[in-house]
Structure formats: structure tokens, C-alpha cells
C-alpha atoms as a PDB file:
ATOM      1  CA  MET A   1      -4.403 -15.048   7.899  1.00  0.00           C
ATOM      2  CA  THR A   2      -1.634 -15.467  10.480  1.00  0.00           C
ATOM      3  CA  SER A   3      -0.071 -12.177  11.530  1.00  0.00           C
ATOM      4  CA  ILE A   4       3.632 -11.403  11.561  1.00  0.00           C
ATOM      5  CA  ASP A   5       3.546 -11.180  15.357  1.00  0.00           C
ATOM      6  CA  GLU A   6       1.982 -14.652  15.606  1.00  0.00           C
ATOM      7  CA  LEU A   7       4.716 -16.092  13.375  1.00  0.00           C
ATOM      8  CA  ARG A   8       7.675 -14.544  15.202  1.00  0.00           C
ATOM      9  CA  PRO A   9       7.926 -17.202  17.943  1.00  0.00           C
ATOM     10  CA  HIS A  10       8.472 -19.884  15.268  1.00  0.00           C
ATOM     11  CA  ILE A  11      11.835 -18.382  14.215  1.00  0.00           C
ATOM     12  CA  LEU A  12      14.736 -20.123  15.956  1.00  0.00           C
ATOM     13  CA  THR A  13      18.292 -18.797  15.830  1.00  0.00           C
ATOM     14  CA  THR A  14      21.463 -20.863  16.097  1.00  0.00           C
ATOM     15  CA  ASP A  15      22.145 -19.350  19.522  1.00  0.00           C
ATOM     16  CA  GLN A  16      18.656 -20.269  20.762  1.00  0.00           C
ATOM     17  CA  LEU A  17      19.006 -23.847  19.562  1.00  0.00           C
ATOM     18  CA  ILE A  18      22.450 -24.256  21.088  1.00  0.00           C
ATOM     19  CA  GLY A  19      20.963 -22.931  24.313  1.00  0.00           C
ATOM     20  CA  ARG A  20      18.441 -25.787  24.091  1.00  0.00           C
ATOM     21  CA  GLY A  21      21.198 -28.372  23.881  1.00  0.00           C
ATOM     22  CA  TYR A  22      21.977 -28.601  20.174  1.00  0.00           C
ATOM     23  CA  SER A  23      25.562 -28.650  18.959  1.00  0.00           C
ATOM     24  CA  THR A  24      26.787 -27.525  15.546  1.00  0.00           C
ATOM     25  CA  GLN A  25      26.866 -31.172  14.462  1.00  0.00           C
ATOM     26  CA  SER A  26      23.417 -32.042  15.818  1.00  0.00           C
ATOM     27  CA  LEU A  27      21.962 -28.956  14.150  1.00  0.00           C
ATOM     28  CA  GLY A  28      23.250 -30.221  10.818  1.00  0.00           C
ATOM     29  CA  ARG A  29      21.756 -33.658  11.494  1.00  0.00           C
ATOM     30  CA  ALA A  30      18.399 -32.124  12.473  1.00  0.00           C
ATOM     31  CA  VAL A  31      18.263 -30.309   9.125  1.00  0.00           C
ATOM     32  CA  THR A  32      19.264 -33.465   7.244  1.00  0.00           C
ATOM     33  CA  THR A  33      16.589 -35.574   8.929  1.00  0.00           C
ATOM     34  CA  GLY A  34      13.934 -32.888   8.468  1.00  0.00           C
ATOM     35  CA  GLU A  35      13.482 -32.153  12.169  1.00  0.00           C
ATOM     36  CA  LEU A  36      14.437 -28.540  11.454  1.00  0.00           C
ATOM     37  CA  VAL A  37      14.238 -26.401   8.331  1.00  0.00           C
ATOM     38  CA  ARG A  38      17.015 -23.895   7.705  1.00  0.00           C
ATOM     39  CA  LEU A  39      15.525 -20.693   6.296  1.00  0.00           C
ATOM     40  CA  ARG A  40      18.943 -19.133   5.867  1.00  0.00           C
ATOM     41  CA  PRO A  41      22.268 -19.416   7.722  1.00  0.00           C
ATOM     42  CA  GLY A  42      21.606 -18.967  11.418  1.00  0.00           C
ATOM     43  CA  TYR A  43      17.796 -19.126  11.243  1.00  0.00           C
ATOM     44  CA  TYR A  44      15.556 -22.197  11.506  1.00  0.00           C
ATOM     45  CA  VAL A  45      11.975 -23.320  12.008  1.00  0.00           C
ATOM     46  CA  ASN A  46      10.536 -26.620  13.177  1.00  0.00           C
ATOM     47  CA  ALA A  47       9.418 -29.086  10.528  1.00  0.00           C
ATOM     48  CA  HIS A  48       5.706 -28.683  11.356  1.00  0.00           C
ATOM     49  CA  THR A  49       5.776 -25.210   9.781  1.00  0.00           C
ATOM     50  CA  GLY A  50       5.883 -27.010   6.434  1.00  0.00           C
ATOM     51  CA  GLU A  51       2.141 -27.513   6.951  1.00  0.00           C
ATOM     52  CA  PHE A  52       1.571 -23.752   7.136  1.00  0.00           C
ATOM     53  CA  ARG A  53      -0.091 -21.917   4.291  1.00  0.00           C
ATOM     54  CA  ARG A  54       2.192 -20.821   1.465  1.00  0.00           C
ATOM     55  CA  ALA A  55       1.863 -17.163   2.437  1.00  0.00           C
ATOM     56  CA  ASP A  56       2.772 -17.863   6.063  1.00  0.00           C
ATOM     57  CA  ARG A  57       5.850 -19.847   5.049  1.00  0.00           C
ATOM     58  CA  HIS A  58       7.003 -16.839   3.032  1.00  0.00           C
ATOM     59  CA  ARG A  59       6.368 -14.530   5.985  1.00  0.00           C
ATOM     60  CA  LEU A  60       8.590 -16.776   8.101  1.00  0.00           C
ATOM     61  CA  LEU A  61      11.336 -16.296   5.531  1.00  0.00           C
ATOM     62  CA  VAL A  62      10.676 -12.546   5.682  1.00  0.00           C
ATOM     63  CA  LEU A  63      11.242 -12.604   9.440  1.00  0.00           C
ATOM     64  CA  ALA A  64      14.526 -14.490   9.055  1.00  0.00           C
ATOM     65  CA  VAL A  65      15.768 -12.102   6.368  1.00  0.00           C
ATOM     66  CA  ASN A  66      14.594  -9.148   8.434  1.00  0.00           C
ATOM     67  CA  ALA A  67      16.754 -10.235  11.363  1.00  0.00           C
ATOM     68  CA  ALA A  68      19.758 -11.209   9.232  1.00  0.00           C
ATOM     69  CA  PHE A  69      19.846  -7.966   7.227  1.00  0.00           C
ATOM     70  CA  GLY A  70      19.025  -5.601  10.079  1.00  0.00           C
ATOM     71  CA  GLN A  71      15.531  -4.465   9.081  1.00  0.00           C
ATOM     72  CA  PRO A  72      15.705  -3.947   5.318  1.00  0.00           C
ATOM     73  CA  VAL A  73      12.739  -2.552   3.396  1.00  0.00           C
ATOM     74  CA  PHE A  74      10.717  -5.392   1.883  1.00  0.00           C
ATOM     75  CA  THR A  75       9.280  -4.827  -1.587  1.00  0.00           C
ATOM     76  CA  HIS A  76       7.083  -6.460  -4.245  1.00  0.00           C
ATOM     77  CA  TRP A  77       5.525  -9.819  -3.211  1.00  0.00           C
ATOM     78  CA  SER A  78       7.142  -9.844   0.224  1.00  0.00           C
ATOM     79  CA  ALA A  79       5.651  -6.436   0.957  1.00  0.00           C
ATOM     80  CA  ALA A  80       2.310  -7.627  -0.435  1.00  0.00           C
ATOM     81  CA  LEU A  81       2.135 -10.455   2.106  1.00  0.00           C
ATOM     82  CA  ILE A  82       3.227  -8.136   4.900  1.00  0.00           C
ATOM     83  CA  HIS A  83       0.220  -5.972   3.968  1.00  0.00           C
ATOM     84  CA  GLY A  84      -2.047  -9.044   3.963  1.00  0.00           C
ATOM     85  CA  LEU A  85      -2.696  -9.134   0.211  1.00  0.00           C
ATOM     86  CA  PRO A  86      -3.408 -12.435  -1.622  1.00  0.00           C
ATOM     87  CA  ASP A  87      -0.463 -14.675  -2.483  1.00  0.00           C
ATOM     88  CA  TRP A  88      -1.999 -16.296  -5.591  1.00  0.00           C
ATOM     89  CA  GLY A  89       0.551 -16.532  -8.401  1.00  0.00           C
ATOM     90  CA  LEU A  90       3.237 -14.514  -6.634  1.00  0.00           C
ATOM     91  CA  PRO A  91       6.827 -15.869  -6.885  1.00  0.00           C
ATOM     92  CA  LEU A  92       7.410 -16.633  -3.215  1.00  0.00           C
ATOM     93  CA  ARG A  93      10.611 -18.679  -3.416  1.00  0.00           C
ATOM     94  CA  GLN A  94      12.608 -15.486  -2.828  1.00  0.00           C
ATOM     95  CA  THR A  95      12.016 -12.587  -0.507  1.00  0.00           C
ATOM     96  CA  SER A  96      12.328  -9.195  -2.179  1.00  0.00           C
ATOM     97  CA  ILE A  97      14.166  -6.407  -0.371  1.00  0.00           C
ATOM     98  CA  SER A  98      15.356  -2.955  -1.356  1.00  0.00           C
ATOM     99  CA  ARG A  99      19.091  -2.396  -1.510  1.00  0.00           C
ATOM    100  CA  TYR A 100      18.750   1.042  -3.045  1.00  0.00           C
ATOM    101  CA  GLY A 101      21.931   2.974  -2.312  1.00  0.00           C
ATOM    102  CA  GLN A 102      23.732  -0.240  -1.290  1.00  0.00           C
ATOM    103  CA  ALA A 103      24.768  -1.613  -4.676  1.00  0.00           C
ATOM    104  CA  GLN A 104      27.782  -3.324  -3.186  1.00  0.00           C
ATOM    105  CA  ARG A 105      25.402  -5.864  -1.652  1.00  0.00           C
ATOM    106  CA  SER A 106      22.955  -6.070  -4.522  1.00  0.00           C
ATOM    107  CA  ARG A 107      23.616  -9.619  -5.695  1.00  0.00           C
ATOM    108  CA  SER A 108      20.462 -11.712  -5.463  1.00  0.00           C
ATOM    109  CA  THR A 109      20.611 -15.197  -3.972  1.00  0.00           C
ATOM    110  CA  ARG A 110      18.399 -18.269  -3.988  1.00  0.00           C
ATOM    111  CA  ARG A 111      16.385 -16.874  -1.085  1.00  0.00           C
ATOM    112  CA  VAL A 112      16.773 -13.099  -1.404  1.00  0.00           C
ATOM    113  CA  ARG A 113      16.120 -10.815  -4.363  1.00  0.00           C
ATOM    114  CA  HIS A 114      17.767  -7.391  -4.134  1.00  0.00           C
ATOM    115  CA  ASP A 115      15.899  -4.509  -5.742  1.00  0.00           C
ATOM    116  CA  LEU A 116      17.798  -1.310  -6.601  1.00  0.00           C
ATOM    117  CA  CYS A 117      14.835   0.823  -7.709  1.00  0.00           C
ATOM    118  CA  PRO A 118      14.764   4.157  -5.823  1.00  0.00           C
ATOM    119  CA  ILE A 119      12.353   4.416  -2.893  1.00  0.00           C
ATOM    120  CA  ALA A 120      11.314   7.696  -1.291  1.00  0.00           C
ATOM    121  CA  SER A 121      11.046   7.914   2.486  1.00  0.00           C
ATOM    122  CA  ASP A 122       7.277   8.472   2.288  1.00  0.00           C
ATOM    123  CA  GLU A 123       6.945   5.184   0.373  1.00  0.00           C
ATOM    124  CA  ILE A 124       8.167   3.188   3.386  1.00  0.00           C
ATOM    125  CA  VAL A 125       5.855   2.029   6.176  1.00  0.00           C
ATOM    126  CA  THR A 126       6.177  -0.165   9.247  1.00  0.00           C
ATOM    127  CA  VAL A 127       3.839  -3.148   9.628  1.00  0.00           C
ATOM    128  CA  ASP A 128       4.132  -5.275  12.785  1.00  0.00           C
ATOM    129  CA  GLY A 129       7.688  -4.024  13.255  1.00  0.00           C
ATOM    130  CA  VAL A 130       8.769  -4.849   9.687  1.00  0.00           C
ATOM    131  CA  LEU A 131       9.644  -2.194   7.090  1.00  0.00           C
ATOM    132  CA  ALA A 132       7.912  -2.476   3.717  1.00  0.00           C
ATOM    133  CA  THR A 133       7.013  -0.357   0.752  1.00  0.00           C
ATOM    134  CA  SER A 134       3.627   1.317   1.106  1.00  0.00           C
ATOM    135  CA  ALA A 135       0.607  -0.601  -0.133  1.00  0.00           C
ATOM    136  CA  GLU A 136       0.313   1.660  -3.190  1.00  0.00           C
ATOM    137  CA  ARG A 137       3.998   1.377  -4.109  1.00  0.00           C
ATOM    138  CA  THR A 138       3.873  -2.378  -3.506  1.00  0.00           C
ATOM    139  CA  ILE A 139       0.910  -2.886  -5.811  1.00  0.00           C
ATOM    140  CA  ILE A 140       2.433  -0.736  -8.560  1.00  0.00           C
ATOM    141  CA  ASP A 141       5.690  -2.719  -8.334  1.00  0.00           C
ATOM    142  CA  ILE A 142       3.832  -6.015  -8.641  1.00  0.00           C
ATOM    143  CA  ALA A 143       1.793  -4.697 -11.568  1.00  0.00           C
ATOM    144  CA  ARG A 144       5.049  -3.679 -13.280  1.00  0.00           C
ATOM    145  CA  VAL A 145       6.845  -7.012 -12.998  1.00  0.00           C
ATOM    146  CA  CYS A 146       4.265  -9.790 -12.543  1.00  0.00           C
ATOM    147  CA  ASP A 147       1.772 -11.340 -14.969  1.00  0.00           C
ATOM    148  CA  SER A 148      -1.315  -9.208 -15.509  1.00  0.00           C
ATOM    149  CA  ASP A 149      -3.757 -11.686 -13.940  1.00  0.00           C
ATOM    150  CA  VAL A 150      -1.582 -12.000 -10.831  1.00  0.00           C
ATOM    151  CA  ALA A 151      -1.340  -8.221 -10.581  1.00  0.00           C
ATOM    152  CA  ALA A 152      -5.095  -7.813 -11.100  1.00  0.00           C
ATOM    153  CA  VAL A 153      -5.783 -10.034  -8.088  1.00  0.00           C
ATOM    154  CA  VAL A 154      -3.559  -7.868  -5.879  1.00  0.00           C
ATOM    155  CA  VAL A 155      -5.017  -4.596  -7.199  1.00  0.00           C
ATOM    156  CA  ASP A 156      -8.623  -5.729  -6.681  1.00  0.00           C
ATOM    157  CA  ALA A 157      -7.881  -7.028  -3.194  1.00  0.00           C
ATOM    158  CA  GLY A 158      -6.188  -3.796  -2.176  1.00  0.00           C
ATOM    159  CA  LEU A 159      -9.154  -1.741  -3.353  1.00  0.00           C
ATOM    160  CA  ASN A 160     -11.795  -4.065  -1.899  1.00  0.00           C
ATOM    161  CA  SER A 161     -10.132  -4.138   1.528  1.00  0.00           C
ATOM    162  CA  GLY A 162      -9.767  -0.361   1.661  1.00  0.00           C
ATOM    163  CA  LEU A 163      -6.004  -0.671   1.949  1.00  0.00           C
ATOM    164  CA  ILE A 164      -5.716   1.685  -1.026  1.00  0.00           C
ATOM    165  CA  THR A 165      -8.007   3.922  -3.063  1.00  0.00           C
ATOM    166  CA  GLU A 166      -8.198   4.566  -6.788  1.00  0.00           C
ATOM    167  CA  SER A 167      -6.795   8.033  -6.152  1.00  0.00           C
ATOM    168  CA  SER A 168      -3.811   6.921  -4.057  1.00  0.00           C
ATOM    169  CA  LEU A 169      -3.025   4.149  -6.542  1.00  0.00           C
ATOM    170  CA  ASN A 170      -3.054   6.553  -9.466  1.00  0.00           C
ATOM    171  CA  GLU A 171      -0.773   8.920  -7.562  1.00  0.00           C
ATOM    172  CA  ALA A 172       1.686   6.055  -7.048  1.00  0.00           C
ATOM    173  CA  LEU A 173       1.451   5.225 -10.744  1.00  0.00           C
ATOM    174  CA  VAL A 174       2.411   8.808 -11.642  1.00  0.00           C
ATOM    175  CA  ARG A 175       5.422   8.580  -9.321  1.00  0.00           C
ATOM    176  CA  ALA A 176       6.523   5.402 -11.080  1.00  0.00           C
ATOM    177  CA  ALA A 177       6.787   7.144 -14.451  1.00  0.00           C
ATOM    178  CA  GLY A 178       9.869   6.087 -16.404  1.00  0.00           C
ATOM    179  CA  ARG A 179      10.272   2.709 -14.719  1.00  0.00           C
ATOM    180  CA  ALA A 180      10.099  -0.540 -16.640  1.00  0.00           C
ATOM    181  CA  GLY A 181       6.620  -2.053 -16.821  1.00  0.00           C
ATOM    182  CA  VAL A 182       4.646   1.102 -16.007  1.00  0.00           C
ATOM    183  CA  LYS A 183       2.593   0.830 -19.183  1.00  0.00           C
ATOM    184  CA  ARG A 184       1.560  -2.703 -18.251  1.00  0.00           C
ATOM    185  CA  ALA A 185       0.772  -1.571 -14.701  1.00  0.00           C
ATOM    186  CA  ARG A 186      -1.432   1.236 -16.009  1.00  0.00           C
ATOM    187  CA  LYS A 187      -3.457  -1.198 -18.115  1.00  0.00           C
ATOM    188  CA  THR A 188      -3.997  -3.515 -15.161  1.00  0.00           C
ATOM    189  CA  ILE A 189      -5.140  -0.649 -12.951  1.00  0.00           C
ATOM    190  CA  GLU A 190      -7.574   0.587 -15.582  1.00  0.00           C
ATOM    191  CA  LEU A 191      -9.310  -2.814 -15.453  1.00  0.00           C
ATOM    192  CA  ALA A 192      -9.491  -2.950 -11.647  1.00  0.00           C
ATOM    193  CA  ASP A 193     -12.774  -3.585  -9.837  1.00  0.00           C
ATOM    194  CA  ARG A 194     -12.990  -2.755  -6.138  1.00  0.00           C
ATOM    195  CA  LYS A 195     -16.160  -4.867  -5.857  1.00  0.00           C
ATOM    196  CA  SER A 196     -14.278  -8.093  -6.535  1.00  0.00           C
ATOM    197  CA  GLU A 197     -14.406 -10.122  -3.324  1.00  0.00           C
ATOM    198  CA  SER A 198     -12.044 -13.005  -4.049  1.00  0.00           C
ATOM    199  CA  VAL A 199      -9.172 -14.245  -6.173  1.00  0.00           C
ATOM    200  CA  ALA A 200     -11.608 -16.470  -8.068  1.00  0.00           C
ATOM    201  CA  GLU A 201     -13.894 -13.536  -8.915  1.00  0.00           C
ATOM    202  CA  THR A 202     -10.997 -11.451 -10.230  1.00  0.00           C
ATOM    203  CA  ARG A 203      -9.674 -14.347 -12.292  1.00  0.00           C
ATOM    204  CA  SER A 204     -13.146 -14.976 -13.702  1.00  0.00           C
ATOM    205  CA  ARG A 205     -13.492 -11.353 -14.747  1.00  0.00           C
ATOM    206  CA  ILE A 206     -10.078 -11.406 -16.458  1.00  0.00           C
ATOM    207  CA  LEU A 207     -11.052 -14.581 -18.314  1.00  0.00           C
ATOM    208  CA  PHE A 208     -14.255 -12.977 -19.606  1.00  0.00           C
ATOM    209  CA  SER A 209     -12.133 -10.200 -21.090  1.00  0.00           C
ATOM    210  CA  ASP A 210      -9.499 -12.565 -22.480  1.00  0.00           C
ATOM    211  CA  PHE A 211     -12.163 -14.684 -24.208  1.00  0.00           C
ATOM    212  CA  GLY A 212     -13.989 -11.665 -25.620  1.00  0.00           C
ATOM    213  CA  LEU A 213     -17.190 -12.051 -23.589  1.00  0.00           C
ATOM    214  CA  PRO A 214     -19.259  -8.965 -22.727  1.00  0.00           C
ATOM    215  CA  GLU A 215     -18.235  -7.272 -19.493  1.00  0.00           C
ATOM    216  CA  PRO A 216     -20.617  -8.179 -16.666  1.00  0.00           C
ATOM    217  CA  GLU A 217     -21.830  -6.019 -13.821  1.00  0.00           C
ATOM    218  CA  THR A 218     -20.353  -7.206 -10.500  1.00  0.00           C
ATOM    219  CA  GLN A 219     -21.857  -7.668  -7.037  1.00  0.00           C
ATOM    220  CA  VAL A 220     -25.384  -6.761  -8.119  1.00  0.00           C
ATOM    221  CA  ASP A 221     -28.462  -6.760  -5.879  1.00  0.00           C
ATOM    222  CA  ILE A 222     -31.378  -8.557  -7.567  1.00  0.00           C
ATOM    223  CA  LEU A 223     -34.890  -7.452  -6.561  1.00  0.00           C
ATOM    224  CA  ASP A 224     -38.267  -9.022  -7.268  1.00  0.00           C
ATOM    225  CA  GLU A 225     -41.214  -7.288  -8.965  1.00  0.00           C
ATOM    226  CA  SER A 226     -42.176  -5.655  -5.669  1.00  0.00           C
ATOM    227  CA  GLY A 227     -38.720  -4.298  -5.034  1.00  0.00           C
ATOM    228  CA  ASN A 228     -37.875  -6.898  -2.382  1.00  0.00           C
ATOM    229  CA  PHE A 229     -34.293  -8.084  -2.106  1.00  0.00           C
ATOM    230  CA  VAL A 230     -33.738 -11.573  -3.502  1.00  0.00           C
ATOM    231  CA  ALA A 231     -29.974 -12.026  -3.827  1.00  0.00           C
ATOM    232  CA  ARG A 232     -26.627 -10.347  -4.285  1.00  0.00           C
ATOM    233  CA  VAL A 233     -24.918 -12.019  -7.238  1.00  0.00           C
ATOM    234  CA  ASP A 234     -21.282 -12.124  -8.286  1.00  0.00           C
ATOM    235  CA  PHE A 235     -21.814 -11.396 -11.996  1.00  0.00           C
ATOM    236  CA  PHE A 236     -24.790 -10.154 -13.983  1.00  0.00           C
ATOM    237  CA  TRP A 237     -25.278  -9.730 -17.715  1.00  0.00           C
ATOM    238  CA  PRO A 238     -28.596  -7.797 -17.818  1.00  0.00           C
ATOM    239  CA  GLU A 239     -28.741  -7.768 -21.613  1.00  0.00           C
ATOM    240  CA  PHE A 240     -28.870 -11.585 -21.570  1.00  0.00           C
ATOM    241  CA  GLY A 241     -30.660 -12.141 -18.269  1.00  0.00           C
ATOM    242  CA  ILE A 242     -27.721 -14.283 -17.093  1.00  0.00           C
ATOM    243  CA  ILE A 243     -26.425 -14.476 -13.532  1.00  0.00           C
ATOM    244  CA  GLY A 244     -22.998 -15.948 -12.829  1.00  0.00           C
ATOM    245  CA  GLU A 245     -21.882 -17.283  -9.464  1.00  0.00           C
ATOM    246  CA  CYS A 246     -18.268 -18.128  -8.680  1.00  0.00           C
ATOM    247  CA  ASP A 247     -18.300 -20.723  -5.904  1.00  0.00           C
ATOM    248  CA  GLY A 248     -15.108 -20.886  -3.873  1.00  0.00           C
ATOM    249  CA  VAL A 249     -14.522 -23.875  -1.595  1.00  0.00           C
ATOM    250  CA  GLY A 250     -14.885 -21.665   1.480  1.00  0.00           C
ATOM    251  CA  LYS A 251     -18.416 -20.752   0.483  1.00  0.00           C
ATOM    252  CA  TYR A 252     -19.677 -24.078   1.797  1.00  0.00           C
ATOM    253  CA  PHE A 253     -16.840 -25.967   3.440  1.00  0.00           C
ATOM    254  CA  ASP A 254     -14.910 -23.425   5.551  1.00  0.00           C
ATOM    255  CA  GLY A 255     -14.839 -25.638   8.616  1.00  0.00           C
ATOM    256  CA  ALA A 256     -18.627 -25.932   8.772  1.00  0.00           C
ATOM    257  CA  ASP A 257     -20.081 -29.179  10.080  1.00  0.00           C
ATOM    258  CA  GLU A 258     -22.262 -31.427   7.937  1.00  0.00           C
ATOM    259  CA  THR A 259     -25.514 -29.841   9.102  1.00  0.00           C
ATOM    260  CA  GLU A 260     -24.348 -26.304   8.349  1.00  0.00           C
ATOM    261  CA  THR A 261     -22.936 -27.318   4.966  1.00  0.00           C
ATOM    262  CA  ARG A 262     -26.252 -28.937   4.033  1.00  0.00           C
ATOM    263  CA  ARG A 263     -28.124 -25.819   5.174  1.00  0.00           C
ATOM    264  CA  ARG A 264     -25.949 -23.597   2.969  1.00  0.00           C
ATOM    265  CA  LEU A 265     -26.428 -25.812  -0.066  1.00  0.00           C
ATOM    266  CA  GLU A 266     -30.187 -25.921   0.424  1.00  0.00           C
ATOM    267  CA  ALA A 267     -30.300 -22.127   0.872  1.00  0.00           C
ATOM    268  CA  GLU A 268     -28.440 -21.678  -2.388  1.00  0.00           C
ATOM    269  CA  LYS A 269     -30.826 -24.044  -4.170  1.00  0.00           C
ATOM    270  CA  ASP A 270     -33.804 -22.034  -2.901  1.00  0.00           C
ATOM    271  CA  ARG A 271     -32.102 -18.789  -3.907  1.00  0.00           C
ATOM    272  CA  ASP A 272     -31.431 -20.066  -7.423  1.00  0.00           C
ATOM    273  CA  ALA A 273     -35.049 -21.178  -7.729  1.00  0.00           C
ATOM    274  CA  ARG A 274     -36.254 -17.665  -6.875  1.00  0.00           C
ATOM    275  CA  LEU A 275     -33.886 -16.152  -9.456  1.00  0.00           C
ATOM    276  CA  VAL A 276     -35.060 -18.588 -12.136  1.00  0.00           C
ATOM    277  CA  ALA A 277     -38.670 -17.805 -11.264  1.00  0.00           C
ATOM    278  CA  LEU A 278     -37.892 -14.147 -12.000  1.00  0.00           C
ATOM    279  CA  GLY A 279     -36.794 -15.149 -15.494  1.00  0.00           C
ATOM    280  CA  PHE A 280     -33.029 -15.249 -15.015  1.00  0.00           C
ATOM    281  CA  ARG A 281     -30.675 -18.036 -16.040  1.00  0.00           C
ATOM    282  CA  VAL A 282     -28.110 -18.947 -13.399  1.00  0.00           C
ATOM    283  CA  ILE A 283     -24.731 -20.535 -13.985  1.00  0.00           C
ATOM    284  CA  HIS A 284     -22.301 -21.627 -11.265  1.00  0.00           C
ATOM    285  CA  TRP A 285     -18.614 -22.431 -11.615  1.00  0.00           C
ATOM    286  CA  ARG A 286     -15.767 -23.454  -9.346  1.00  0.00           C
ATOM    287  CA  TRP A 287     -12.004 -22.979  -9.113  1.00  0.00           C
ATOM    288  CA  ALA A 288     -11.449 -26.050 -11.291  1.00  0.00           C
ATOM    289  CA  ASP A 289     -13.464 -24.381 -14.075  1.00  0.00           C
ATOM    290  CA  ILE A 290     -11.251 -21.288 -13.846  1.00  0.00           C
ATOM    291  CA  GLU A 291      -8.127 -23.443 -14.104  1.00  0.00           C
ATOM    292  CA  ARG A 292      -9.530 -25.082 -17.265  1.00  0.00           C
ATOM    293  CA  PRO A 293     -11.704 -22.286 -18.630  1.00  0.00           C
ATOM    294  CA  MET A 294     -12.558 -23.491 -22.145  1.00  0.00           C
ATOM    295  CA  GLY A 295     -15.626 -25.412 -21.009  1.00  0.00           C
ATOM    296  CA  LEU A 296     -16.934 -22.553 -18.870  1.00  0.00           C
ATOM    297  CA  MET A 297     -16.431 -19.977 -21.618  1.00  0.00           C
ATOM    298  CA  TYR A 298     -18.207 -22.247 -24.114  1.00  0.00           C
ATOM    299  CA  ARG A 299     -21.184 -22.669 -21.780  1.00  0.00           C
ATOM    300  CA  LEU A 300     -21.446 -18.939 -21.149  1.00  0.00           C
ATOM    301  CA  ARG A 301     -21.185 -18.092 -24.837  1.00  0.00           C
ATOM    302  CA  ARG A 302     -23.892 -20.625 -25.709  1.00  0.00           C
ATOM    303  CA  MET A 303     -26.191 -19.196 -23.024  1.00  0.00           C
ATOM    304  CA  MET A 304     -25.671 -15.682 -24.357  1.00  0.00           C
ATOM    305  CA  GLU A 305     -26.312 -16.720 -27.944  1.00  0.00           C
ATOM    306  CA  SER A 306     -29.439 -18.611 -26.902  1.00  0.00           C
ATOM    307  CA  ASN A 307     -30.838 -15.695 -24.911  1.00  0.00           C
ATOM    308  CA  ALA A 308     -29.989 -13.183 -27.638  1.00  0.00           C
ATOM    309  CA  SER A 309     -31.918 -15.180 -30.235  1.00  0.00           C
ATOM    310  CA  ALA A 310     -34.898 -15.863 -27.993  1.00  0.00           C
END
């Protein structure tokens, strides 16, 4: 993940560009031709930033809004990315800032959403020079207004990273009493799992619940008959003897060369063979299976029915 400080040099103001030889007219032409991208009036980035990750492009917009509005407090998804939480499913077309106590400037625009919900001083933190709601307040706000699966990803990530604890999150939930969406947020938090290590794992777990499958144990160490460690698995249904592995692209192809990729694949094959030899059934799935889950859920259900009747 690119930090806020690393992104700052990419922000170009009108004054900086004029100092480099642009005129008002040539600035307009540069935007029209795609040489520059206007984030908001007076703030630009070079076109190559369009290749940045979605989260980093939003953080660039955060920096532009931060300068234009004189250090507002960022909330919701903007605060989530400032804290380094996952961007999956978050509505990043707009930044979200608090205008509590400044209702005269509360009209949202195409790029900026103004939030008027009260914020206490101890719910505001500074991250890399940018003001944002605390991690706990941020996660509660997302759980109140975003889809439950999107919120679950953020909650799990916050817990797994140590950014928040169950206790601090529940305290923030109590403070949110009376606000819209608190009931939905409470339900999401009740289903949280700090052991979830990726967006794909959280989404898988939510799908199991949505499709009525038994709840698996997560991040389980599997030992052989002598008590020797064999593998740490993503999901385990002990009552069926089924092990589930959610394979993200980065598991094998995160910049590794061909030799390293082949080594990882062979190691996984050997690992699966040891698990099968212990009497377990192993099923793997990928992001594409999560996006179209009917096939995966059917396979899992069939495996469970088969093992239950054996």
C-alpha cells in the first residue's frame, strides 16, 4: 500500500503548474488531451496516476480535498483508506468529510460528500498529517451505511491488523446509539472474525452463512497422528472432515518468477497430499468462484452430504 506521504508529491496545484510554464489556456488543453487529470478546481495529477490502484487514486483525491478545505476531518470510506483498510466495495467516487457544525457548507458535490453526524474530539486522529475519524468510529460508520459484506471486510481487517480490538469497537458501537444503521452495524460486528486474513476469506465466510452452510473453524493448525504440524488451513469443518482453501492471486503470483511460482504450486500439491493421507477432503476456490458462488456452494454442500452419509 502506498502511504499518504508517498502520494503527496503527485498533487500539483494551479500555481505550481503555472510556475512550470503552463498558462490558464494550456492547463485546460492538458486536461482535455488527458495529459493532466483535474481532481478538483486548482488541483491536478499527471495522467500516469490513472494506473495507480483504486485506493491510491482515492487517497490522491483526499489530499486535494484536504488542501482545498483546509484540513477537514475525513470520515467513512475516505477515513478507512487513510487508516490502510481494504477498499473492496467501498464507494470511492466521492471523498467523505465531516461538516458537523458547518451546515452552511453541507451540500455534497460530485467529488465530496459532506457528513453532518456529530463527532467528538476524541474520535478524531491525525494520520500522516491528515485528520480522520478514529479507526473504531470509521468502521462503525461504514457498518452503518454500507452493504453488510463490504462492512464485514473492513471490520475483519481492522481486527486482524490490530488497528482495533473487539472491546474498542463495541465501545464505539455504544457511542453510536440512536444513529441510523446502528442495528445493522451491530449484526455485522457480531459476525466478525479477527482471524480472517484477506478480503476473499471474509467474503467466503459471509457466503457460507448466506447459503446456510455450517460455520467453519478458521485458520486452523492441522497436526498428524504424532502431533506434528502439517498445515494451517483457511477453513475447517471437523464434523465433515473437510478443509477449505481460499486461493488469492497473490498466493502464487505476487511478483514471483516462474521458478518460485512453480515451487509454491508444488509445495501446495505436497501439502494437500499429506492432508488427504490423514483422511481429510480438500477443496480449493478462487476469487472467480466467490464472484459466482453457486457452483462453489453446490460443491461444498455435496461434499458435506457425502461425508455425512459415509
